[in-house]
């Protein structure tokens, strides 16, 4: 059982991680790489972000904490990229921000429903291991830095007057 204070803090840190991960995906476009590679890596980031938010409701209802959610996303990376890719594709077709937001708002509830019906675990007889790519590590480090900084401001330090 997850207590309400743990669930609330997990939700807030998850929102912060999502924002930082979005920034990480947007920063990829500034790397000194060919634009096609930057676009593909940015698309992968957005697909993972859409998957993360789609499965957020499912995992939260089952009291799965953020660090376990990220472990699952990274362990089954190809599946979650593929799950979020259609939503990412349809919500980035236009150059119009409002139109893209409307398309996202239309299709996102369908992805939430799909996340409850999805089977993302590998079959037990699956022998070929998928390498784990810790794509969330930079975002986790930045998020942990923010959390540590702000928790030091909120929680009084012992021994200080």
C-alpha atoms as a PDB file:
ATOM      1  CA  UNK A   1       0.000   0.000   0.000  1.00  0.00           C
ATOM      2  CA  UNK A   2       1.284   3.424  -0.930  1.00  0.00           C
ATOM      3  CA  UNK A   3       0.405   6.231   1.464  1.00  0.00           C
ATOM      4  CA  UNK A   4      -1.126   9.415   0.102  1.00  0.00           C
ATOM      5  CA  UNK A   5       1.954  11.541   0.881  1.00  0.00           C
ATOM      6  CA  UNK A   6       4.152   9.056  -1.010  1.00  0.00           C
ATOM      7  CA  UNK A   7       1.704   8.973  -3.915  1.00  0.00           C
ATOM      8  CA  UNK A   8       1.554  12.782  -4.044  1.00  0.00           C
ATOM      9  CA  UNK A   9       5.325  13.201  -3.945  1.00  0.00           C
ATOM     10  CA  UNK A  10       5.683  10.457  -6.567  1.00  0.00           C
ATOM     11  CA  UNK A  11       3.192  12.277  -8.800  1.00  0.00           C
ATOM     12  CA  UNK A  12       5.005  15.613  -8.439  1.00  0.00           C
ATOM     13  CA  UNK A  13       8.416  14.080  -9.116  1.00  0.00           C
ATOM     14  CA  UNK A  14       6.935  12.211 -12.089  1.00  0.00           C
ATOM     15  CA  UNK A  15       5.601  15.470 -13.553  1.00  0.00           C
ATOM     16  CA  UNK A  16       8.986  17.121 -13.032  1.00  0.00           C
ATOM     17  CA  UNK A  17      10.759  14.152 -14.633  1.00  0.00           C
ATOM     18  CA  UNK A  18       8.390  14.340 -17.604  1.00  0.00           C
ATOM     19  CA  UNK A  19       9.186  18.035 -18.109  1.00  0.00           C
ATOM     20  CA  UNK A  20      12.928  17.440 -17.816  1.00  0.00           C
ATOM     21  CA  UNK A  21      12.712  14.461 -20.203  1.00  0.00           C
ATOM     22  CA  UNK A  22      10.805  16.633 -22.691  1.00  0.00           C
ATOM     23  CA  UNK A  23      13.611  19.194 -22.414  1.00  0.00           C
ATOM     24  CA  UNK A  24      16.155  16.420 -22.955  1.00  0.00           C
ATOM     25  CA  UNK A  25      14.315  15.400 -26.115  1.00  0.00           C
ATOM     26  CA  UNK A  26      14.191  18.983 -27.369  1.00  0.00           C
ATOM     27  CA  UNK A  27      17.891  19.551 -26.638  1.00  0.00           C
ATOM     28  CA  UNK A  28      18.759  16.665 -28.943  1.00  0.00           C
ATOM     29  CA  UNK A  29      17.924  18.873 -31.919  1.00  0.00           C
ATOM     30  CA  UNK A  30      20.879  21.108 -30.992  1.00  0.00           C
ATOM     31  CA  UNK A  31      23.457  18.306 -31.120  1.00  0.00           C
ATOM     32  CA  UNK A  32      26.046  18.610 -33.898  1.00  0.00           C
ATOM     33  CA  UNK A  33      24.600  15.643 -35.779  1.00  0.00           C
ATOM     34  CA  UNK A  34      22.780  15.354 -39.102  1.00  0.00           C
ATOM     35  CA  UNK A  35      19.240  16.697 -38.809  1.00  0.00           C
ATOM     36  CA  UNK A  36      17.724  13.305 -39.680  1.00  0.00           C
ATOM     37  CA  UNK A  37      19.432  11.633 -36.706  1.00  0.00           C
ATOM     38  CA  UNK A  38      18.387  14.468 -34.393  1.00  0.00           C
ATOM     39  CA  UNK A  39      14.798  14.176 -35.625  1.00  0.00           C
ATOM     40  CA  UNK A  40      14.730  10.404 -35.050  1.00  0.00           C
ATOM     41  CA  UNK A  41      16.189  10.676 -31.538  1.00  0.00           C
ATOM     42  CA  UNK A  42      13.776  13.496 -30.693  1.00  0.00           C
ATOM     43  CA  UNK A  43      10.870  11.396 -32.028  1.00  0.00           C
ATOM     44  CA  UNK A  44      11.999   8.480 -29.830  1.00  0.00           C
ATOM     45  CA  UNK A  45      12.049  10.762 -26.788  1.00  0.00           C
ATOM     46  CA  UNK A  46       8.541  12.049 -27.509  1.00  0.00           C
ATOM     47  CA  UNK A  47       7.288   8.498 -28.110  1.00  0.00           C
ATOM     48  CA  UNK A  48       8.667   7.389 -24.750  1.00  0.00           C
ATOM     49  CA  UNK A  49       7.166  10.431 -23.058  1.00  0.00           C
ATOM     50  CA  UNK A  50       3.756   9.685 -24.576  1.00  0.00           C
ATOM     51  CA  UNK A  51       4.050   6.057 -23.466  1.00  0.00           C
ATOM     52  CA  UNK A  52       5.076   7.110 -19.986  1.00  0.00           C
ATOM     53  CA  UNK A  53       2.051   9.384 -19.642  1.00  0.00           C
ATOM     54  CA  UNK A  54      -0.291   6.790 -21.169  1.00  0.00           C
ATOM     55  CA  UNK A  55       0.809   4.107 -18.714  1.00  0.00           C
ATOM     56  CA  UNK A  56       0.972   6.557 -15.795  1.00  0.00           C
ATOM     57  CA  UNK A  57      -2.687   5.999 -14.950  1.00  0.00           C
ATOM     58  CA  UNK A  58      -2.363   2.210 -15.114  1.00  0.00           C
ATOM     59  CA  UNK A  59       0.772   2.094 -12.989  1.00  0.00           C
ATOM     60  CA  UNK A  60      -0.496   4.645 -10.474  1.00  0.00           C
ATOM     61  CA  UNK A  61      -3.690   2.664  -9.972  1.00  0.00           C
ATOM     62  CA  UNK A  62      -1.500  -0.319  -9.110  1.00  0.00           C
ATOM     63  CA  UNK A  63       0.767   1.705  -6.771  1.00  0.00           C
ATOM     64  CA  UNK A  64       3.872   1.277  -8.931  1.00  0.00           C
ATOM     65  CA  UNK A  65       6.389   3.898  -7.818  1.00  0.00           C
ATOM     66  CA  UNK A  66       8.275   6.110 -10.264  1.00  0.00           C
ATOM     67  CA  UNK A  67      11.634   4.341 -10.106  1.00  0.00           C
ATOM     68  CA  UNK A  68       9.930   1.027 -10.973  1.00  0.00           C
ATOM     69  CA  UNK A  69       8.019   2.681 -13.826  1.00  0.00           C
ATOM     70  CA  UNK A  70      11.257   4.024 -15.295  1.00  0.00           C
ATOM     71  CA  UNK A  71      12.919   0.614 -14.902  1.00  0.00           C
ATOM     72  CA  UNK A  72      10.048  -0.950 -16.857  1.00  0.00           C
ATOM     73  CA  UNK A  73      10.205   1.698 -19.571  1.00  0.00           C
ATOM     74  CA  UNK A  74      13.939   1.148 -20.017  1.00  0.00           C
ATOM     75  CA  UNK A  75      13.714  -2.655 -19.820  1.00  0.00           C
ATOM     76  CA  UNK A  76      11.021  -2.818 -22.519  1.00  0.00           C
ATOM     77  CA  UNK A  77      12.234   0.174 -24.509  1.00  0.00           C
ATOM     78  CA  UNK A  78      11.309  -1.073 -28.018  1.00  0.00           C
ATOM     79  CA  UNK A  79       7.759  -1.849 -26.926  1.00  0.00           C
ATOM     80  CA  UNK A  80       7.192   1.529 -25.287  1.00  0.00           C
ATOM     81  CA  UNK A  81       8.725   3.424 -28.219  1.00  0.00           C
ATOM     82  CA  UNK A  82       6.358   1.546 -30.518  1.00  0.00           C
ATOM     83  CA  UNK A  83       3.397   2.145 -28.214  1.00  0.00           C
ATOM     84  CA  UNK A  84       3.926   5.916 -28.145  1.00  0.00           C
ATOM     85  CA  UNK A  85       4.998   6.295 -31.786  1.00  0.00           C
ATOM     86  CA  UNK A  86       1.506   6.531 -33.353  1.00  0.00           C
ATOM     87  CA  UNK A  87       0.430   9.243 -30.910  1.00  0.00           C
ATOM     88  CA  UNK A  88       3.697  11.101 -31.456  1.00  0.00           C
ATOM     89  CA  UNK A  89       3.324  10.819 -35.221  1.00  0.00           C
ATOM     90  CA  UNK A  90      -0.249  12.116 -35.449  1.00  0.00           C
ATOM     91  CA  UNK A  91       0.359  14.904 -32.936  1.00  0.00           C
ATOM     92  CA  UNK A  92       3.397  16.267 -34.794  1.00  0.00           C
ATOM     93  CA  UNK A  93       2.111  16.179 -38.383  1.00  0.00           C
ATOM     94  CA  UNK A  94       1.214  19.856 -38.524  1.00  0.00           C
ATOM     95  CA  UNK A  95       3.294  22.951 -37.895  1.00  0.00           C
ATOM     96  CA  UNK A  96       0.290  24.408 -36.061  1.00  0.00           C
ATOM     97  CA  UNK A  97       0.766  24.040 -32.290  1.00  0.00           C
ATOM     98  CA  UNK A  98      -2.963  24.317 -31.524  1.00  0.00           C
ATOM     99  CA  UNK A  99      -3.898  21.715 -34.117  1.00  0.00           C
ATOM    100  CA  UNK A 100      -1.244  19.313 -32.795  1.00  0.00           C
ATOM    101  CA  UNK A 101      -2.520  19.858 -29.250  1.00  0.00           C
ATOM    102  CA  UNK A 102      -6.084  19.175 -30.351  1.00  0.00           C
ATOM    103  CA  UNK A 103      -5.067  15.975 -32.119  1.00  0.00           C
ATOM    104  CA  UNK A 104      -3.118  14.891 -29.034  1.00  0.00           C
ATOM    105  CA  UNK A 105      -6.092  15.646 -26.787  1.00  0.00           C
ATOM    106  CA  UNK A 106      -8.357  13.619 -29.051  1.00  0.00           C
ATOM    107  CA  UNK A 107      -6.196  10.495 -29.227  1.00  0.00           C
ATOM    108  CA  UNK A 108      -4.526  10.476 -25.788  1.00  0.00           C
ATOM    109  CA  UNK A 109      -7.557   8.994 -23.960  1.00  0.00           C
ATOM    110  CA  UNK A 110      -7.503   6.075 -26.408  1.00  0.00           C
ATOM    111  CA  UNK A 111      -3.887   5.400 -25.466  1.00  0.00           C
ATOM    112  CA  UNK A 112      -4.754   5.464 -21.764  1.00  0.00           C
ATOM    113  CA  UNK A 113      -7.441   2.837 -22.393  1.00  0.00           C
ATOM    114  CA  UNK A 114      -5.006   0.840 -24.526  1.00  0.00           C
ATOM    115  CA  UNK A 115      -2.433   0.870 -21.734  1.00  0.00           C
ATOM    116  CA  UNK A 116      -4.859  -1.048 -19.516  1.00  0.00           C
ATOM    117  CA  UNK A 117      -5.233  -3.735 -22.187  1.00  0.00           C
ATOM    118  CA  UNK A 118      -1.605  -3.827 -23.343  1.00  0.00           C
ATOM    119  CA  UNK A 119       0.658  -6.814 -22.848  1.00  0.00           C
ATOM    120  CA  UNK A 120       4.139  -5.333 -22.696  1.00  0.00           C
ATOM    121  CA  UNK A 121       6.007  -8.108 -20.883  1.00  0.00           C
ATOM    122  CA  UNK A 122       8.059 -10.546 -22.934  1.00  0.00           C
ATOM    123  CA  UNK A 123       6.833 -14.132 -23.209  1.00  0.00           C
ATOM    124  CA  UNK A 124       8.520 -16.455 -20.732  1.00  0.00           C
ATOM    125  CA  UNK A 125      10.094 -18.502 -23.549  1.00  0.00           C
ATOM    126  CA  UNK A 126      11.686 -15.398 -25.117  1.00  0.00           C
ATOM    127  CA  UNK A 127      15.436 -16.083 -25.141  1.00  0.00           C
ATOM    128  CA  UNK A 128      17.056 -13.115 -26.838  1.00  0.00           C
ATOM    129  CA  UNK A 129      17.777 -10.414 -24.253  1.00  0.00           C
ATOM    130  CA  UNK A 130      17.039  -6.835 -25.146  1.00  0.00           C
ATOM    131  CA  UNK A 131      19.836  -4.513 -24.037  1.00  0.00           C
ATOM    132  CA  UNK A 132      18.768  -1.958 -21.463  1.00  0.00           C
ATOM    133  CA  UNK A 133      19.472   1.613 -22.534  1.00  0.00           C
ATOM    134  CA  UNK A 134      19.259   4.018 -19.620  1.00  0.00           C
ATOM    135  CA  UNK A 135      17.785   6.858 -21.663  1.00  0.00           C
ATOM    136  CA  UNK A 136      16.162   8.416 -18.589  1.00  0.00           C
ATOM    137  CA  UNK A 137      19.441   8.705 -16.620  1.00  0.00           C
ATOM    138  CA  UNK A 138      20.255  12.346 -17.549  1.00  0.00           C
ATOM    139  CA  UNK A 139      16.684  13.410 -16.749  1.00  0.00           C
ATOM    140  CA  UNK A 140      16.684  11.431 -13.505  1.00  0.00           C
ATOM    141  CA  UNK A 141      19.925  13.090 -12.396  1.00  0.00           C
ATOM    142  CA  UNK A 142      18.570  16.573 -13.108  1.00  0.00           C
ATOM    143  CA  UNK A 143      15.246  15.747 -11.429  1.00  0.00           C
ATOM    144  CA  UNK A 144      17.018  14.303  -8.379  1.00  0.00           C
ATOM    145  CA  UNK A 145      19.107  17.486  -8.196  1.00  0.00           C
ATOM    146  CA  UNK A 146      15.962  19.647  -8.218  1.00  0.00           C
ATOM    147  CA  UNK A 147      14.283  17.468  -5.602  1.00  0.00           C
ATOM    148  CA  UNK A 148      17.331  17.496  -3.323  1.00  0.00           C
ATOM    149  CA  UNK A 149      17.696  21.264  -3.679  1.00  0.00           C
ATOM    150  CA  UNK A 150      14.051  22.026  -2.930  1.00  0.00           C
ATOM    151  CA  UNK A 151      13.684  19.421  -0.195  1.00  0.00           C
ATOM    152  CA  UNK A 152      16.651  21.056   1.548  1.00  0.00           C
ATOM    153  CA  UNK A 153      14.723  24.330   1.480  1.00  0.00           C
ATOM    154  CA  UNK A 154      11.509  22.796   2.822  1.00  0.00           C
ATOM    155  CA  UNK A 155      12.756  20.244   5.339  1.00  0.00           C
ATOM    156  CA  UNK A 156      14.669  21.880   8.214  1.00  0.00           C
ATOM    157  CA  UNK A 157      18.225  20.602   8.642  1.00  0.00           C
ATOM    158  CA  UNK A 158      19.107  19.150  12.025  1.00  0.00           C
ATOM    159  CA  UNK A 159      21.723  20.950  14.031  1.00  0.00           C
ATOM    160  CA  UNK A 160      21.105  24.323  12.401  1.00  0.00           C
ATOM    161  CA  UNK A 161      19.499  27.212  14.221  1.00  0.00           C
END
